[in-house]
């Protein structure tokens, strides 16, 4: 009797699966089995803000984006189904969480919706003890995704997502909608500035941690299935988690021999600590091997605030000449001063007697000692050598103010733009207009986007001339310190950055609310379509070649 029941259940399941295949929903490119067409989207993540769910329809003037059919994936035929017998007290969401890692679905709610669909479009979640249900989308082995190489001057049009958001149902909707309005890339957190790592990663310095993107190759595959460039952001030397758990790797205080604090906060690792550098490079290599197309380093610098004189770093103990400034001394003056120091005549060491000869003698240059900028460029040289062979691009986020080349900024941050440009493909200056307070005698810089975007881009282009590095700026997608934030504000930034030599752009909003860029993107594209490509005002419109989905299945053990 039990065997007969199983055969009947299997037959019904196959029939349901066949019906589901016909009704396959193309919205989820990763899904390799039937997808629930009646699933209601879950509420937006609270941190996204009230406007985060406002996904406005795309303007009709924007060219339609082709959605990749799941049948084109390399492992479309590999997915199968499995019969599960429910236990007392179980529900479909509980079962979905148990099976998620084994399926082609990205979130448990996606899988739960598909389970309800293939099991008769049921509306309820409660399962009876002993009830048998079909689990769709079962993969025989984990997904293995490969990097899709592009030239460094590929015009990226991206938004930023936190790790929590990127891994959520709402995050997936944001990515799809960004694609619909004309975006072609997404930046997502792998490690944020608090040190939290969002993916499964084993390292002696990390230990157990909260994971949000449970299957990075699967997530990257989803991004690729949308024909989008996947940029993995890693905050480097600002790492609260690491210094709390390993205080010996923090910047040290000269006064109390304890971990140094930036304005009371224990958040900075010592950038010159080899263990810190090796940890970040190991994480970046792991991400590159998981299929990401670009590794983006943020916080590639020393702390810029706090009591700088109290901060002590490992490199200072290793280099006797550390932080010594470059000096120029007149040889003739040096000789006279040396002789006068041996004389016993009163006032014989006075430099006034040789003052008239200073301009006539040759200068003797005392080279500067080992600086913070040497630490940063040395780290980048090592990281670039290890990452570049994997095929990924390496991009660096830098302070927008570094374009002004002020000595105080360079001495604190160590961000020597000329040196950094040698060991990366892309520089992404954070030129948010609102952040230039006190600059250029403009009282409200946030309301002067054209000036600060233009001035910053001109300066970055000038100081990197001849290096071959691409300047792809971070632009402001938030209303902080500006009364004029709007779709027009977005358009002014994009147009100015392009006019001044920028290639592509990245939009930053910490709450992942891109309602204004959503409105601006179709309008910009519609304007550009009226012009020839070389006269386009906003962007070239670069797209990845079709069929970029390259995932395969790992060999099952």
Protein backbone atom coordinates (compact mmCIF):
# COMPACT_ATOMS: atom_id res chain seq x y z
CA UNK A 1 0.00 0.00 0.00
CA UNK A 2 2.87 2.43 0.94
CA UNK A 3 4.67 1.72 -2.36
CA UNK A 4 1.48 2.34 -4.33
CA UNK A 5 0.92 5.64 -2.58
CA UNK A 6 4.43 6.74 -3.40
CA UNK A 7 3.94 5.90 -7.08
CA UNK A 8 0.70 7.87 -7.19
CA UNK A 9 2.32 10.84 -5.42
CA UNK A 10 5.27 10.76 -7.76
CA UNK A 11 2.97 10.69 -10.80
CA UNK A 12 0.94 13.63 -9.53
CA UNK A 13 4.13 15.54 -8.74
CA UNK A 14 5.49 15.00 -12.24
CA UNK A 15 2.20 16.19 -13.72
CA UNK A 16 2.26 19.31 -11.54
CA UNK A 17 5.87 19.97 -12.43
CA UNK A 18 5.04 19.79 -16.12
CA UNK A 19 2.23 22.30 -15.70
CA UNK A 20 4.56 24.51 -13.69
CA UNK A 21 7.19 24.41 -16.42
CA UNK A 22 4.68 25.76 -18.90
CA UNK A 23 3.84 28.62 -16.55
CA UNK A 24 7.48 29.35 -15.80
CA UNK A 25 7.90 32.94 -14.62
CA UNK A 26 10.86 34.64 -16.30
CA UNK A 27 11.22 37.14 -13.48
CA UNK A 28 13.62 34.86 -11.66
CA UNK A 29 16.43 34.02 -14.02
CA UNK A 30 18.10 31.69 -11.58
CA UNK A 31 15.06 29.55 -10.97
CA UNK A 32 15.41 26.26 -12.72
CA UNK A 33 11.97 24.91 -11.96
CA UNK A 34 8.48 26.33 -11.75
CA UNK A 35 8.19 29.70 -10.05
CA UNK A 36 5.22 30.94 -8.07
CA UNK A 37 3.35 33.54 -10.09
CA UNK A 38 1.02 34.36 -7.24
CA UNK A 39 3.67 35.09 -4.60
CA UNK A 40 3.14 38.47 -2.95
CA UNK A 41 6.36 40.46 -2.44
CA UNK A 42 7.41 40.65 1.21
CA UNK A 43 7.63 44.02 2.96
CA UNK A 44 10.74 46.10 2.30
CA UNK A 45 13.64 45.84 4.68
CA UNK A 46 13.06 48.41 7.42
CA UNK A 47 16.41 50.12 6.97
CA UNK A 48 15.61 50.90 3.35
CA UNK A 49 13.37 53.78 4.31
CA UNK A 50 9.83 54.59 3.26
CA UNK A 51 10.73 55.36 -0.34
CA UNK A 52 12.65 52.15 -0.94
CA UNK A 53 9.63 50.31 -2.29
CA UNK A 54 8.72 52.98 -4.82
CA UNK A 55 9.78 51.15 -7.94
CA UNK A 56 8.31 53.40 -10.59
CA UNK A 57 7.46 52.16 -14.08
CA UNK A 58 10.05 52.61 -16.80
CA UNK A 59 9.50 55.36 -19.33
CA UNK A 60 8.28 54.10 -22.68
CA UNK A 61 11.14 55.93 -24.35
CA UNK A 62 13.66 53.59 -22.80
CA UNK A 63 14.74 50.59 -24.84
CA UNK A 64 13.39 47.35 -23.44
CA UNK A 65 15.90 45.09 -21.72
CA UNK A 66 15.74 41.46 -22.69
CA UNK A 67 15.19 39.14 -19.75
CA UNK A 68 17.35 36.07 -19.95
CA UNK A 69 15.30 32.89 -20.18
CA UNK A 70 16.27 30.25 -17.67
CA UNK A 71 16.52 27.71 -20.44
CA UNK A 72 19.74 29.40 -21.56
CA UNK A 73 21.55 28.63 -18.32
CA UNK A 74 24.19 25.97 -18.60
CA UNK A 75 22.65 23.83 -15.87
CA UNK A 76 19.00 24.23 -16.83
CA UNK A 77 18.57 20.53 -17.37
CA UNK A 78 20.37 19.59 -14.17
CA UNK A 79 17.73 20.83 -11.73
CA UNK A 80 15.26 18.30 -10.50
CA UNK A 81 12.73 17.73 -7.78
CA UNK A 82 12.60 15.85 -4.53
CA UNK A 83 9.70 14.46 -2.51
CA UNK A 84 9.70 15.52 1.12
CA UNK A 85 7.62 14.01 3.91
CA UNK A 86 6.59 16.63 6.44
CA UNK A 87 7.03 16.19 10.18
CA UNK A 88 4.67 17.34 12.87
CA UNK A 89 4.58 21.11 13.26
CA UNK A 90 6.42 21.90 10.04
CA UNK A 91 5.38 24.51 7.50
CA UNK A 92 6.40 25.32 3.94
CA UNK A 93 8.67 28.24 4.99
CA UNK A 94 10.46 25.94 7.45
CA UNK A 95 11.02 23.32 4.77
CA UNK A 96 12.15 26.01 2.31
CA UNK A 97 14.86 27.16 4.71
CA UNK A 98 16.06 23.59 5.08
CA UNK A 99 16.32 23.07 1.32
CA UNK A 100 17.50 26.49 0.16
CA UNK A 101 21.20 25.64 -0.13
CA UNK A 102 20.42 22.66 -2.35
CA UNK A 103 18.27 24.59 -4.80
CA UNK A 104 18.72 27.22 -7.50
CA UNK A 105 16.69 29.74 -5.51
CA UNK A 106 18.30 32.76 -3.84
CA UNK A 107 15.93 33.30 -0.92
CA UNK A 108 13.80 31.00 1.18
CA UNK A 109 10.67 33.01 0.38
CA UNK A 110 11.29 32.46 -3.35
CA UNK A 111 11.59 28.74 -2.72
CA UNK A 112 8.52 28.70 -0.46
CA UNK A 113 6.49 30.38 -3.22
CA UNK A 114 7.69 27.83 -5.76
CA UNK A 115 6.83 24.96 -3.40
CA UNK A 116 3.30 26.27 -2.96
CA UNK A 117 2.98 26.65 -6.72
CA UNK A 118 4.13 23.19 -7.79
CA UNK A 119 2.02 21.62 -5.08
CA UNK A 120 -1.30 22.80 -6.46
CA UNK A 121 -1.02 26.58 -6.02
CA UNK A 122 -1.88 26.14 -2.38
CA UNK A 123 -2.47 29.28 -0.36
CA UNK A 124 -1.60 27.95 3.08
CA UNK A 125 1.76 27.08 4.60
CA UNK A 126 0.77 24.54 7.24
CA UNK A 127 1.78 20.93 6.55
CA UNK A 128 0.21 17.83 8.03
CA UNK A 129 2.44 15.25 9.64
CA UNK A 130 3.34 12.69 6.97
CA UNK A 131 2.19 14.90 4.09
CA UNK A 132 4.37 14.59 0.99
CA UNK A 133 5.27 17.66 -1.05
CA UNK A 134 7.43 18.29 -4.10
CA UNK A 135 10.54 20.45 -3.69
CA UNK A 136 11.48 22.07 -7.05
CA UNK A 137 14.81 23.43 -8.30
CA UNK A 138 17.03 20.78 -6.67
CA UNK A 139 20.63 20.99 -7.93
CA UNK A 140 22.89 17.92 -7.97
CA UNK A 141 25.88 20.03 -6.91
CA UNK A 142 26.73 23.63 -5.95
CA UNK A 143 26.88 26.35 -8.60
CA UNK A 144 30.34 27.42 -9.76
CA UNK A 145 30.35 30.89 -11.32
CA UNK A 146 33.13 32.43 -13.39
CA UNK A 147 34.23 36.04 -13.71
CA UNK A 148 33.09 37.77 -16.88
CA UNK A 149 36.10 39.92 -17.90
CA UNK A 150 35.48 43.37 -19.33
CA UNK A 151 37.84 46.17 -20.30
CA UNK A 152 38.56 48.65 -17.52
CA UNK A 153 36.91 51.43 -19.50
CA UNK A 154 33.61 49.56 -19.65
CA UNK A 155 30.99 52.17 -18.79
CA UNK A 156 29.59 51.00 -15.46
CA UNK A 157 26.22 52.42 -14.33
CA UNK A 158 25.80 51.07 -10.83
CA UNK A 159 24.02 51.37 -7.52
CA UNK A 160 25.27 50.23 -4.11
CA UNK A 161 23.56 47.63 -1.91
CA UNK A 162 24.41 46.57 1.61
CA UNK A 163 25.02 42.88 2.12
CA UNK A 164 21.76 42.50 4.04
CA UNK A 165 19.77 44.19 1.29
CA UNK A 166 21.49 42.41 -1.60
CA UNK A 167 20.58 39.02 -0.16
CA UNK A 168 16.93 39.91 0.46
CA UNK A 169 13.85 39.63 -1.73
CA UNK A 170 13.62 43.41 -1.83
CA UNK A 171 17.27 43.62 -2.87
CA UNK A 172 16.60 41.30 -5.79
CA UNK A 173 13.71 43.51 -6.84
CA UNK A 174 15.97 46.56 -6.65
CA UNK A 175 18.55 44.87 -8.89
CA UNK A 176 15.92 43.90 -11.44
CA UNK A 177 14.41 47.36 -11.44
CA UNK A 178 17.80 49.03 -11.79
CA UNK A 179 18.36 46.87 -14.85
CA UNK A 180 14.99 47.88 -16.25
CA UNK A 181 15.71 51.62 -15.95
CA UNK A 182 19.12 51.33 -17.63
CA UNK A 183 21.63 50.24 -15.01
CA UNK A 184 24.19 47.61 -15.93
CA UNK A 185 26.03 46.94 -12.67
CA UNK A 186 25.58 46.57 -8.93
CA UNK A 187 28.01 47.13 -6.05
CA UNK A 188 27.33 44.89 -3.05
CA UNK A 189 29.03 44.59 0.32
CA UNK A 190 31.34 41.69 1.06
CA UNK A 191 32.95 43.40 4.06
CA UNK A 192 31.68 46.69 5.44
CA UNK A 193 33.56 49.26 7.52
CA UNK A 194 32.39 47.66 10.78
CA UNK A 195 34.26 44.53 9.73
CA UNK A 196 31.15 42.41 9.15
CA UNK A 197 31.68 39.82 6.41
CA UNK A 198 28.49 38.93 4.56
CA UNK A 199 29.53 35.63 2.98
CA UNK A 200 30.69 32.22 4.23
CA UNK A 201 34.46 32.63 4.57
CA UNK A 202 36.92 30.80 6.76
CA UNK A 203 39.99 32.56 8.11
CA UNK A 204 41.85 32.39 11.45
CA UNK A 205 41.24 36.11 12.04
CA UNK A 206 37.50 35.95 11.31
CA UNK A 207 35.90 33.08 13.16
CA UNK A 208 32.13 32.64 13.33
CA UNK A 209 30.14 35.48 11.80
CA UNK A 210 26.66 36.40 10.59
CA UNK A 211 26.18 35.45 6.94
CA UNK A 212 23.67 37.15 4.65
CA UNK A 213 24.76 36.14 1.15
CA UNK A 214 24.78 32.42 1.83
CA UNK A 215 25.89 31.34 -1.64
CA UNK A 216 28.06 33.95 -3.36
CA UNK A 217 28.45 32.09 -6.70
CA UNK A 218 24.67 31.70 -6.86
CA UNK A 219 24.15 35.39 -6.15
CA UNK A 220 26.74 36.46 -8.74
CA UNK A 221 25.08 34.11 -11.20
CA UNK A 222 21.81 35.94 -10.62
CA UNK A 223 23.52 39.29 -11.30
CA UNK A 224 25.04 37.86 -14.46
CA UNK A 225 21.67 36.48 -15.53
CA UNK A 226 20.44 40.08 -15.53
CA UNK A 227 23.35 40.92 -17.88
CA UNK A 228 24.94 43.01 -15.16
CA UNK A 229 28.51 43.60 -13.95
CA UNK A 230 29.05 42.30 -10.39
CA UNK A 231 31.21 44.57 -8.17
CA UNK A 232 32.15 43.24 -4.74
CA UNK A 233 32.97 45.97 -2.20
CA UNK A 234 35.48 45.25 0.57
CA UNK A 235 36.22 47.84 3.25
CA UNK A 236 39.91 47.31 3.98
CA UNK A 237 41.61 48.92 6.96
CA UNK A 238 38.63 50.26 8.90
CA UNK A 239 37.50 47.06 10.58
CA UNK A 240 35.86 47.30 13.99
CA UNK A 241 35.29 43.58 14.33
CA UNK A 242 38.93 42.73 13.70
CA UNK A 243 40.42 45.21 16.17
CA UNK A 244 37.95 44.28 18.90
CA UNK A 245 38.78 40.58 18.58
CA UNK A 246 42.47 41.12 17.80
CA UNK A 247 43.55 44.37 19.51
CA UNK A 248 47.19 43.64 18.72
CA UNK A 249 46.36 44.40 15.06
CA UNK A 250 44.94 47.83 15.83
CA UNK A 251 46.67 51.17 15.57
CA UNK A 252 48.45 51.61 18.91
CA UNK A 253 48.49 54.60 21.27
CA UNK A 254 51.89 56.07 22.09
CA UNK A 255 50.58 57.42 25.41
CA UNK A 256 48.97 54.38 27.02
CA UNK A 257 50.24 51.50 24.85
CA UNK A 258 46.63 50.46 24.23
CA UNK A 259 44.73 50.25 20.95
CA UNK A 260 44.37 53.78 19.58
CA UNK A 261 40.91 55.28 19.18
CA UNK A 262 39.73 57.69 16.51
CA UNK A 263 37.62 60.23 18.35
CA UNK A 264 36.83 57.61 20.99
CA UNK A 265 36.05 54.79 18.55
CA UNK A 266 38.10 51.61 18.30
CA UNK A 267 37.71 50.93 14.60
CA UNK A 268 41.07 51.10 12.83
CA UNK A 269 43.43 48.26 12.06
CA UNK A 270 47.08 49.11 11.45
CA UNK A 271 47.39 49.24 7.62
CA UNK A 272 51.07 48.31 7.90
CA UNK A 273 50.39 45.07 9.79
CA UNK A 274 51.17 42.17 7.40
CA UNK A 275 48.49 39.98 9.00
CA UNK A 276 45.84 42.59 8.28
CA UNK A 277 46.94 42.97 4.68
CA UNK A 278 47.07 39.21 4.10
CA UNK A 279 43.58 38.78 5.58
CA UNK A 280 42.03 41.33 3.24
CA UNK A 281 43.84 39.97 0.19
CA UNK A 282 42.74 36.42 1.04
CA UNK A 283 39.13 37.57 1.26
CA UNK A 284 39.41 39.42 -2.05
CA UNK A 285 40.88 36.38 -3.81
CA UNK A 286 38.11 34.17 -2.46
CA UNK A 287 35.50 36.58 -3.82
CA UNK A 288 37.25 36.76 -7.19
CA UNK A 289 37.24 32.98 -7.39
CA UNK A 290 33.49 33.00 -6.65
CA UNK A 291 32.71 34.77 -9.91
CA UNK A 292 32.73 38.49 -9.08
CA UNK A 293 33.77 40.68 -12.00
CA UNK A 294 35.37 43.46 -10.00
CA UNK A 295 36.82 43.86 -6.52
CA UNK A 296 36.35 47.30 -5.07
CA UNK A 297 38.54 48.35 -2.14
CA UNK A 298 37.15 51.01 0.18
CA UNK A 299 38.91 52.53 3.22
CA UNK A 300 42.28 51.92 1.58
CA UNK A 301 43.85 54.47 3.86
CA UNK A 302 45.05 55.41 7.30
CA UNK A 303 42.73 57.09 9.82
CA UNK A 304 42.29 60.76 8.96
CA UNK A 305 40.80 62.04 12.21
CA UNK A 306 41.62 61.82 15.90
CA UNK A 307 44.91 62.52 17.68
CA UNK A 308 47.36 61.77 14.89
CA UNK A 309 50.45 62.39 17.03
CA UNK A 310 49.35 59.66 19.43
CA UNK A 311 48.88 57.05 16.66
CA UNK A 312 51.67 54.50 16.34
CA UNK A 313 52.08 52.07 13.44
CA UNK A 314 54.16 48.96 12.81
CA UNK A 315 56.01 50.48 9.85
CA UNK A 316 57.46 53.20 12.07
CA UNK A 317 59.32 50.60 14.12
CA UNK A 318 60.63 48.88 11.00
CA UNK A 319 61.95 52.03 9.30
CA UNK A 320 64.34 54.26 11.22
CA UNK A 321 63.62 57.15 8.85
CA UNK A 322 59.84 56.74 9.01
CA UNK A 323 57.82 59.89 8.32
CA UNK A 324 60.91 62.06 7.89
CA UNK A 325 60.05 64.89 5.49
CA UNK A 326 62.17 65.63 2.47
CA UNK A 327 64.68 68.42 3.19
CA UNK A 328 67.02 70.51 1.05
CA UNK A 329 70.19 71.97 2.55
CA UNK A 330 72.75 74.17 0.79
CA UNK A 331 76.10 72.38 0.74
CA UNK A 332 78.08 75.59 1.22
CA UNK A 333 75.90 76.56 4.16
CA UNK A 334 76.28 73.16 5.70
CA UNK A 335 80.08 73.38 5.51
CA UNK A 336 80.21 76.85 7.08
CA UNK A 337 77.82 75.88 9.86
CA UNK A 338 79.91 72.78 10.56
CA UNK A 339 83.11 74.83 10.84
CA UNK A 340 81.51 77.55 12.93
CA UNK A 341 80.30 74.97 15.40
CA UNK A 342 83.96 74.12 16.05
CA UNK A 343 84.96 77.80 16.48
CA UNK A 344 85.05 79.42 19.89
CA UNK A 345 84.35 82.93 18.58
CA UNK A 346 81.14 84.42 20.00
CA UNK A 347 78.39 84.35 17.42
CA UNK A 348 80.47 82.33 14.98
CA UNK A 349 77.62 79.88 14.38
CA UNK A 350 75.35 82.62 13.14
CA UNK A 351 73.86 81.81 9.71
CA UNK A 352 73.55 85.46 8.86
CA UNK A 353 77.10 85.63 7.50
CA UNK A 354 76.34 83.03 4.80
CA UNK A 355 72.83 84.19 3.97
CA UNK A 356 73.99 86.01 0.85
CA UNK A 357 75.52 82.85 -0.63
CA UNK A 358 72.43 80.61 -0.27
CA UNK A 359 71.08 81.23 -3.72
CA UNK A 360 74.41 80.53 -5.40
CA UNK A 361 75.24 77.14 -3.98
CA UNK A 362 73.99 73.71 -5.05
CA UNK A 363 71.25 72.07 -3.00
CA UNK A 364 71.80 68.81 -1.15
CA UNK A 365 68.56 66.80 -0.98
CA UNK A 366 67.86 64.56 2.00
CA UNK A 367 65.29 62.01 0.78
CA UNK A 368 62.08 61.68 2.73
CA UNK A 369 61.64 58.71 4.98
CA UNK A 370 59.13 55.87 4.70
CA UNK A 371 55.62 57.37 4.67
CA UNK A 372 52.02 56.28 5.11
CA UNK A 373 51.62 56.57 1.34
CA UNK A 374 54.39 53.97 0.89
CA UNK A 375 52.41 51.55 3.04
CA UNK A 376 49.27 52.03 0.95
CA UNK A 377 50.97 51.72 -2.44
CA UNK A 378 52.97 48.72 -1.20
CA UNK A 379 49.78 46.96 -0.12
CA UNK A 380 48.10 47.73 -3.44
CA UNK A 381 51.09 46.46 -5.40
CA UNK A 382 50.86 43.14 -3.57
CA UNK A 383 47.07 42.91 -3.87
CA UNK A 384 47.05 43.80 -7.57
CA UNK A 385 49.66 41.15 -8.32
CA UNK A 386 47.48 38.47 -6.72
CA UNK A 387 44.09 39.60 -8.00
CA UNK A 388 44.78 40.65 -11.57
CA UNK A 389 45.63 37.14 -12.84
CA UNK A 390 42.12 36.01 -11.83
CA UNK A 391 40.59 38.27 -14.48
CA UNK A 392 38.81 40.67 -12.13
CA UNK A 393 39.14 44.42 -12.25
CA UNK A 394 40.46 46.20 -9.16
CA UNK A 395 38.89 49.53 -8.29
CA UNK A 396 39.70 51.86 -5.40
CA UNK A 397 37.46 54.28 -3.55
CA UNK A 398 39.32 57.47 -2.60
CA UNK A 399 38.42 60.70 -0.85
CA UNK A 400 37.17 63.34 -3.27
CA UNK A 401 39.25 65.97 -1.49
CA UNK A 402 42.44 64.12 -2.48
CA UNK A 403 42.12 65.78 -5.88
CA UNK A 404 43.24 69.00 -4.20
CA UNK A 405 46.55 67.34 -3.21
CA UNK A 406 46.74 69.12 0.14
CA UNK A 407 49.79 67.94 2.13
CA UNK A 408 47.76 67.47 5.33
CA UNK A 409 45.31 65.11 3.57
CA UNK A 410 48.13 63.08 2.03
CA UNK A 411 50.10 62.83 5.27
CA UNK A 412 47.07 61.61 7.21
CA UNK A 413 45.35 59.26 4.73
CA UNK A 414 48.36 58.01 2.78
CA UNK A 415 46.26 58.21 -0.39
CA UNK A 416 48.86 59.29 -2.94
CA UNK A 417 46.67 59.24 -6.04
CA UNK A 418 49.60 59.11 -8.46
CA UNK A 419 51.07 56.08 -6.69
CA UNK A 420 47.73 54.32 -6.22
CA UNK A 421 46.85 54.70 -9.90
CA UNK A 422 49.74 52.37 -10.80
CA UNK A 423 48.16 49.40 -9.04
CA UNK A 424 44.50 49.46 -9.98
CA UNK A 425 42.26 49.61 -13.02
CA UNK A 426 39.72 52.13 -11.80
CA UNK A 427 39.77 55.02 -9.33
CA UNK A 428 36.42 55.96 -7.85
CA UNK A 429 36.64 59.30 -6.07
CA UNK A 430 33.77 59.95 -3.66
CA UNK A 431 32.82 63.38 -4.97
CA UNK A 432 29.53 63.88 -3.14
CA UNK A 433 28.93 67.64 -3.36
CA UNK A 434 27.55 67.82 0.19
CA UNK A 435 30.86 66.59 1.62
CA UNK A 436 32.97 69.53 0.41
CA UNK A 437 32.10 71.76 3.38
CA UNK A 438 34.41 74.72 3.79
CA UNK A 439 35.80 74.42 0.26
CA UNK A 440 36.02 77.08 -2.46
CA UNK A 441 34.13 79.64 -0.34
CA UNK A 442 30.78 78.02 -1.14
CA UNK A 443 28.45 78.11 1.86
CA UNK A 444 26.21 75.24 0.72
CA UNK A 445 28.34 72.86 -1.36
CA UNK A 446 25.56 70.28 -1.47
CA UNK A 447 23.59 72.65 -3.66
CA UNK A 448 26.50 73.22 -6.07
CA UNK A 449 26.86 69.79 -7.72
CA UNK A 450 28.05 71.13 -11.06
CA UNK A 451 30.92 73.05 -9.47
CA UNK A 452 32.26 70.34 -7.18
CA UNK A 453 31.75 67.43 -9.59
CA UNK A 454 33.40 69.42 -12.36
CA UNK A 455 36.29 70.72 -10.30
CA UNK A 456 36.98 67.30 -8.76
CA UNK A 457 36.93 65.49 -12.09
CA UNK A 458 39.24 68.01 -13.74
CA UNK A 459 41.74 67.66 -10.91
CA UNK A 460 41.65 63.85 -10.87
CA UNK A 461 42.04 63.71 -14.63
CA UNK A 462 45.04 66.04 -14.42
CA UNK A 463 46.94 64.23 -11.67
CA UNK A 464 46.37 60.79 -13.23
CA UNK A 465 47.17 61.85 -16.79
CA UNK A 466 49.22 59.23 -18.58
CA UNK A 467 48.58 56.50 -15.99
CA UNK A 468 45.88 54.74 -18.00
CA UNK A 469 43.64 54.49 -14.94
CA UNK A 470 39.90 55.03 -15.45
CA UNK A 471 38.12 57.65 -13.34
CA UNK A 472 34.65 56.38 -12.41
CA UNK A 473 33.16 58.59 -9.69
CA UNK A 474 30.83 57.90 -6.80
CA UNK A 475 27.89 60.33 -7.10
CA UNK A 476 25.42 61.53 -4.49
CA UNK A 477 22.09 59.71 -4.37
CA UNK A 478 20.94 61.05 -0.99
CA UNK A 479 19.53 64.37 0.20
CA UNK A 480 21.92 65.08 3.11
CA UNK A 481 23.00 68.76 3.25
CA UNK A 482 21.18 69.69 0.08
CA UNK A 483 17.79 71.28 -0.55
CA UNK A 484 17.88 70.59 -4.28
CA UNK A 485 18.13 66.77 -4.34
CA UNK A 486 15.93 65.56 -7.19
CA UNK A 487 16.08 63.65 -10.49
CA UNK A 488 17.51 66.83 -11.99
CA UNK A 489 20.26 66.81 -9.34
CA UNK A 490 21.13 63.27 -10.46
CA UNK A 491 21.24 64.32 -14.11
CA UNK A 492 23.52 67.29 -13.43
CA UNK A 493 26.04 65.06 -11.66
CA UNK A 494 26.08 62.42 -14.39
CA UNK A 495 26.36 64.95 -17.22
CA UNK A 496 29.13 66.92 -15.50
CA UNK A 497 31.16 63.81 -14.65
CA UNK A 498 30.98 62.59 -18.25
CA UNK A 499 31.83 66.00 -19.67
CA UNK A 500 34.96 66.13 -17.50
CA UNK A 501 36.26 62.73 -18.59
CA UNK A 502 34.55 60.28 -16.26
CA UNK A 503 33.65 56.84 -17.59
CA UNK A 504 30.54 55.51 -15.90
CA UNK A 505 29.33 56.26 -12.39
CA UNK A 506 28.30 54.71 -9.09
CA UNK A 507 25.35 55.92 -6.99
CA UNK A 508 25.65 55.80 -3.21
CA UNK A 509 22.73 55.70 -0.81
CA UNK A 510 23.34 54.04 2.55
CA UNK A 511 19.64 53.18 2.87
CA UNK A 512 19.56 51.83 -0.70
CA UNK A 513 16.78 54.23 -1.70
CA UNK A 514 17.25 55.01 -5.39
CA UNK A 515 13.88 56.58 -6.16
CA UNK A 516 15.46 59.70 -7.73
CA UNK A 517 17.92 57.77 -9.96
CA UNK A 518 15.01 55.52 -11.00
CA UNK A 519 13.27 58.61 -12.41
CA UNK A 520 16.37 60.17 -13.90
CA UNK A 521 17.79 57.17 -15.76
CA UNK A 522 15.06 56.75 -18.43
CA UNK A 523 15.01 60.51 -18.95
CA UNK A 524 18.77 60.57 -19.53
CA UNK A 525 18.60 57.66 -21.93
CA UNK A 526 15.73 59.25 -23.86
CA UNK A 527 17.77 62.44 -24.26
CA UNK A 528 20.84 60.51 -25.45
CA UNK A 529 18.85 58.51 -27.98
CA UNK A 530 18.12 61.75 -29.82
CA UNK A 531 21.83 62.36 -30.35
CA UNK A 532 24.64 60.45 -32.01
CA UNK A 533 26.73 58.31 -29.67
CA UNK A 534 29.66 60.72 -29.68
CA UNK A 535 27.37 63.59 -28.70
CA UNK A 536 25.50 61.77 -25.93
CA UNK A 537 25.16 64.01 -22.88
CA UNK A 538 24.86 61.43 -20.13
CA UNK A 539 26.38 58.05 -21.05
CA UNK A 540 27.56 55.88 -23.91
CA UNK A 541 25.14 53.09 -23.07
CA UNK A 542 27.67 50.23 -22.86
CA UNK A 543 26.13 46.80 -22.31
CA UNK A 544 27.60 43.40 -21.62
CA UNK A 545 27.44 40.96 -24.52
CA UNK A 546 24.36 38.75 -24.42
CA UNK A 547 24.49 35.33 -22.84
CA UNK A 548 26.91 36.16 -20.02
CA UNK A 549 25.56 33.43 -17.78
CA UNK A 550 28.43 31.00 -17.32
CA UNK A 551 27.67 29.01 -14.22
CA UNK A 552 28.47 25.34 -14.02
CA UNK A 553 27.86 22.72 -11.39
CA UNK A 554 30.60 21.53 -9.09
CA UNK A 555 31.36 17.84 -9.10
CA UNK A 556 29.25 16.20 -6.45
CA UNK A 557 31.26 14.49 -3.74
